[in-house]
N, C-alpha and C. Protein backbone atom coordinates (compact mmCIF):
# COMPACT_ATOMS: atom_id res chain seq x y z
N UNK A 1 -39.25 157.52 50.52
CA UNK A 1 -39.70 157.60 51.92
C UNK A 1 -39.90 156.10 52.22
N UNK A 2 -39.30 155.69 53.69
CA UNK A 2 -39.67 154.58 54.29
C UNK A 2 -41.05 154.20 54.40
N UNK A 3 -41.50 152.96 54.15
CA UNK A 3 -42.77 152.76 54.30
C UNK A 3 -43.23 152.08 55.58
N UNK A 4 -42.42 152.30 56.54
CA UNK A 4 -42.95 151.71 57.94
C UNK A 4 -44.00 152.62 58.50
N UNK A 5 -44.80 152.14 59.39
CA UNK A 5 -45.87 152.88 59.92
C UNK A 5 -45.65 153.96 60.51
N UNK A 6 -44.50 154.15 61.11
CA UNK A 6 -44.21 155.28 61.99
C UNK A 6 -43.72 156.34 60.81
N UNK A 7 -42.94 155.93 59.89
CA UNK A 7 -42.66 156.93 58.91
C UNK A 7 -43.69 157.60 58.25
N UNK A 8 -44.67 156.73 57.70
CA UNK A 8 -45.90 157.16 57.06
C UNK A 8 -46.59 158.08 57.84
N UNK A 9 -46.65 157.61 59.23
CA UNK A 9 -47.55 158.60 60.01
C UNK A 9 -46.75 159.97 60.45
N UNK A 10 -45.50 159.91 60.45
CA UNK A 10 -44.75 161.19 60.67
C UNK A 10 -44.79 162.05 59.37
N UNK A 11 -44.58 161.41 58.33
CA UNK A 11 -44.75 162.19 57.02
C UNK A 11 -46.07 162.91 56.78
N UNK A 12 -47.17 162.06 57.16
CA UNK A 12 -48.43 162.57 57.10
C UNK A 12 -48.78 163.66 58.11
N UNK A 13 -48.24 163.57 59.25
CA UNK A 13 -48.34 164.72 60.32
C UNK A 13 -47.49 165.95 59.86
N UNK A 14 -46.32 165.81 59.34
CA UNK A 14 -45.72 167.07 58.77
C UNK A 14 -46.53 167.53 57.46
N UNK A 15 -47.03 166.82 56.76
CA UNK A 15 -47.69 167.28 55.60
C UNK A 15 -49.09 168.07 56.08
N UNK A 16 -49.72 167.52 57.20
CA UNK A 16 -50.93 168.15 57.59
C UNK A 16 -50.65 169.50 58.61
N UNK A 17 -49.73 169.54 59.37
CA UNK A 17 -49.33 170.36 60.28
C UNK A 17 -48.62 171.59 59.46
N UNK A 18 -47.76 171.21 58.68
CA UNK A 18 -46.84 172.29 57.91
C UNK A 18 -47.19 172.58 56.52
N UNK A 19 -48.13 171.62 55.97
CA UNK A 19 -48.50 171.78 54.64
C UNK A 19 -47.38 171.39 53.55
N UNK A 20 -46.27 170.54 53.93
CA UNK A 20 -45.33 170.23 53.18
C UNK A 20 -45.04 168.69 53.34
N UNK A 21 -44.41 168.18 52.19
CA UNK A 21 -43.95 166.81 52.16
C UNK A 21 -42.52 166.89 52.81
N UNK A 22 -41.96 165.76 53.22
CA UNK A 22 -40.48 165.83 53.71
C UNK A 22 -39.78 166.55 52.69
N UNK A 23 -39.18 167.63 52.94
CA UNK A 23 -38.34 168.54 52.09
C UNK A 23 -37.10 168.10 51.42
N UNK A 24 -36.65 167.15 51.95
CA UNK A 24 -35.27 166.77 51.29
C UNK A 24 -34.96 165.32 51.29
N UNK A 25 -33.95 165.00 50.53
CA UNK A 25 -33.50 163.49 50.43
C UNK A 25 -33.21 163.09 51.92
N UNK A 26 -32.80 164.10 52.83
CA UNK A 26 -32.35 163.53 54.31
C UNK A 26 -33.63 163.11 55.12
N UNK A 27 -34.60 163.58 54.80
CA UNK A 27 -35.80 163.43 55.54
C UNK A 27 -36.24 161.78 55.71
N UNK A 28 -36.19 161.04 54.79
CA UNK A 28 -36.45 159.66 54.85
C UNK A 28 -35.43 158.92 55.80
N UNK A 29 -34.19 159.30 55.60
CA UNK A 29 -33.22 158.73 56.54
C UNK A 29 -33.41 159.43 58.04
N UNK A 30 -33.76 160.61 58.26
CA UNK A 30 -34.04 161.13 59.59
C UNK A 30 -35.12 160.48 60.24
N UNK A 31 -36.30 160.25 59.65
CA UNK A 31 -37.49 159.49 59.91
C UNK A 31 -36.95 157.96 60.43
N UNK A 32 -36.19 157.27 59.58
CA UNK A 32 -35.86 155.95 59.84
C UNK A 32 -34.92 155.93 61.02
N UNK A 33 -33.94 156.95 61.29
CA UNK A 33 -33.16 157.10 62.54
C UNK A 33 -34.09 157.38 63.87
N UNK A 34 -35.06 158.15 63.71
CA UNK A 34 -35.97 158.40 64.66
C UNK A 34 -36.79 157.23 65.37
N UNK A 35 -37.17 156.53 64.12
CA UNK A 35 -37.93 155.12 64.48
C UNK A 35 -36.89 154.18 65.13
N UNK A 36 -35.58 154.19 64.83
CA UNK A 36 -34.66 153.16 65.36
C UNK A 36 -34.40 153.71 66.90
N UNK A 37 -34.35 154.99 67.15
CA UNK A 37 -34.11 155.57 68.56
C UNK A 37 -35.36 155.30 69.41
N UNK A 38 -36.51 155.51 68.73
CA UNK A 38 -37.70 155.19 69.56
C UNK A 38 -37.70 153.51 70.08
N UNK A 39 -37.45 152.69 68.98
CA UNK A 39 -37.44 151.35 69.25
C UNK A 39 -36.43 151.11 70.43
N UNK A 40 -35.16 151.60 70.30
CA UNK A 40 -34.12 151.42 71.28
C UNK A 40 -34.67 151.70 72.75
N UNK A 41 -35.23 152.96 72.77
CA UNK A 41 -35.76 153.54 74.11
C UNK A 41 -36.84 152.43 74.58
N UNK A 42 -37.86 152.06 73.81
CA UNK A 42 -38.79 151.17 74.10
C UNK A 42 -38.24 149.84 74.70
N UNK A 43 -37.14 149.35 74.19
CA UNK A 43 -36.32 148.16 74.83
C UNK A 43 -35.93 148.35 76.24
N UNK A 44 -35.44 149.61 76.39
CA UNK A 44 -35.00 150.06 77.68
C UNK A 44 -36.14 150.39 78.74
N UNK A 45 -37.31 150.22 78.34
CA UNK A 45 -38.44 150.80 79.19
C UNK A 45 -38.42 149.53 80.37
N UNK A 46 -38.22 150.12 81.45
CA UNK A 46 -38.54 149.17 82.77
C UNK A 46 -37.31 148.63 83.14
N UNK A 47 -36.18 148.69 82.45
CA UNK A 47 -34.84 148.12 82.80
C UNK A 47 -34.09 149.11 83.49
N UNK A 48 -34.25 150.37 83.31
CA UNK A 48 -33.41 151.39 84.08
C UNK A 48 -33.89 151.42 85.45
N UNK A 49 -33.17 151.18 86.63
CA UNK A 49 -33.73 151.04 87.96
C UNK A 49 -34.32 152.29 88.34
N UNK A 50 -33.75 153.62 88.02
CA UNK A 50 -34.14 154.77 88.58
C UNK A 50 -34.99 155.60 87.54
N UNK A 51 -35.62 154.97 86.63
CA UNK A 51 -36.43 155.84 85.74
C UNK A 51 -37.62 156.36 86.15
N UNK A 52 -38.14 155.67 87.35
CA UNK A 52 -39.70 156.26 87.84
C UNK A 52 -39.18 156.99 89.23
N UNK A 53 -37.98 157.04 89.63
CA UNK A 53 -37.69 157.70 91.01
C UNK A 53 -36.93 158.79 91.07
N UNK A 54 -37.27 159.87 90.95
CA UNK A 54 -36.44 161.02 90.69
C UNK A 54 -35.36 161.13 91.87
N UNK A 55 -35.64 160.90 93.02
CA UNK A 55 -34.52 160.76 94.07
C UNK A 55 -33.50 159.82 93.69
N UNK A 56 -33.79 158.54 93.25
CA UNK A 56 -32.75 157.64 92.73
C UNK A 56 -32.04 158.25 91.62
N UNK A 57 -32.70 158.86 90.70
CA UNK A 57 -32.08 159.46 89.58
C UNK A 57 -30.95 160.35 89.82
N UNK A 58 -31.33 161.31 90.76
CA UNK A 58 -30.45 162.26 91.24
C UNK A 58 -29.23 161.73 91.99
N UNK A 59 -29.54 160.55 92.75
CA UNK A 59 -28.45 159.89 93.43
C UNK A 59 -27.54 159.32 92.35
N UNK A 60 -28.04 158.79 91.37
CA UNK A 60 -27.20 158.22 90.30
C UNK A 60 -26.37 159.01 89.79
N UNK A 61 -26.83 160.19 89.32
CA UNK A 61 -26.20 161.44 88.76
C UNK A 61 -25.09 161.82 89.74
N UNK A 62 -25.27 161.91 90.91
CA UNK A 62 -24.33 162.42 91.82
C UNK A 62 -23.16 161.54 92.08
N UNK A 63 -23.50 160.12 91.90
CA UNK A 63 -22.58 159.02 92.02
C UNK A 63 -21.61 159.01 90.81
N UNK A 64 -22.14 159.35 89.73
CA UNK A 64 -21.20 159.44 88.39
C UNK A 64 -20.44 160.75 88.22
N UNK A 65 -20.91 161.72 89.06
CA UNK A 65 -20.20 162.98 88.90
C UNK A 65 -18.57 162.94 89.18
N UNK A 66 -17.90 163.69 88.26
CA UNK A 66 -16.59 163.79 88.59
C UNK A 66 -16.17 164.67 89.89
N UNK A 67 -15.13 164.25 90.52
CA UNK A 67 -14.77 165.07 91.82
C UNK A 67 -14.43 166.43 91.40
């Protein structure tokens, strides 16, 4: 099991909510990947111009839409 704070917290939550330890050899890798995704999203926070404006988000989607 990875010993990062997030991985330990997730494993503890799984144990408390479901009564099981991470059930397979894949679980530690999945937790590490989840941590990487969360970190990558945190780096993007505030850099996406339409993240707080639904109208701008919809306009950006329409602009990217294929004809």
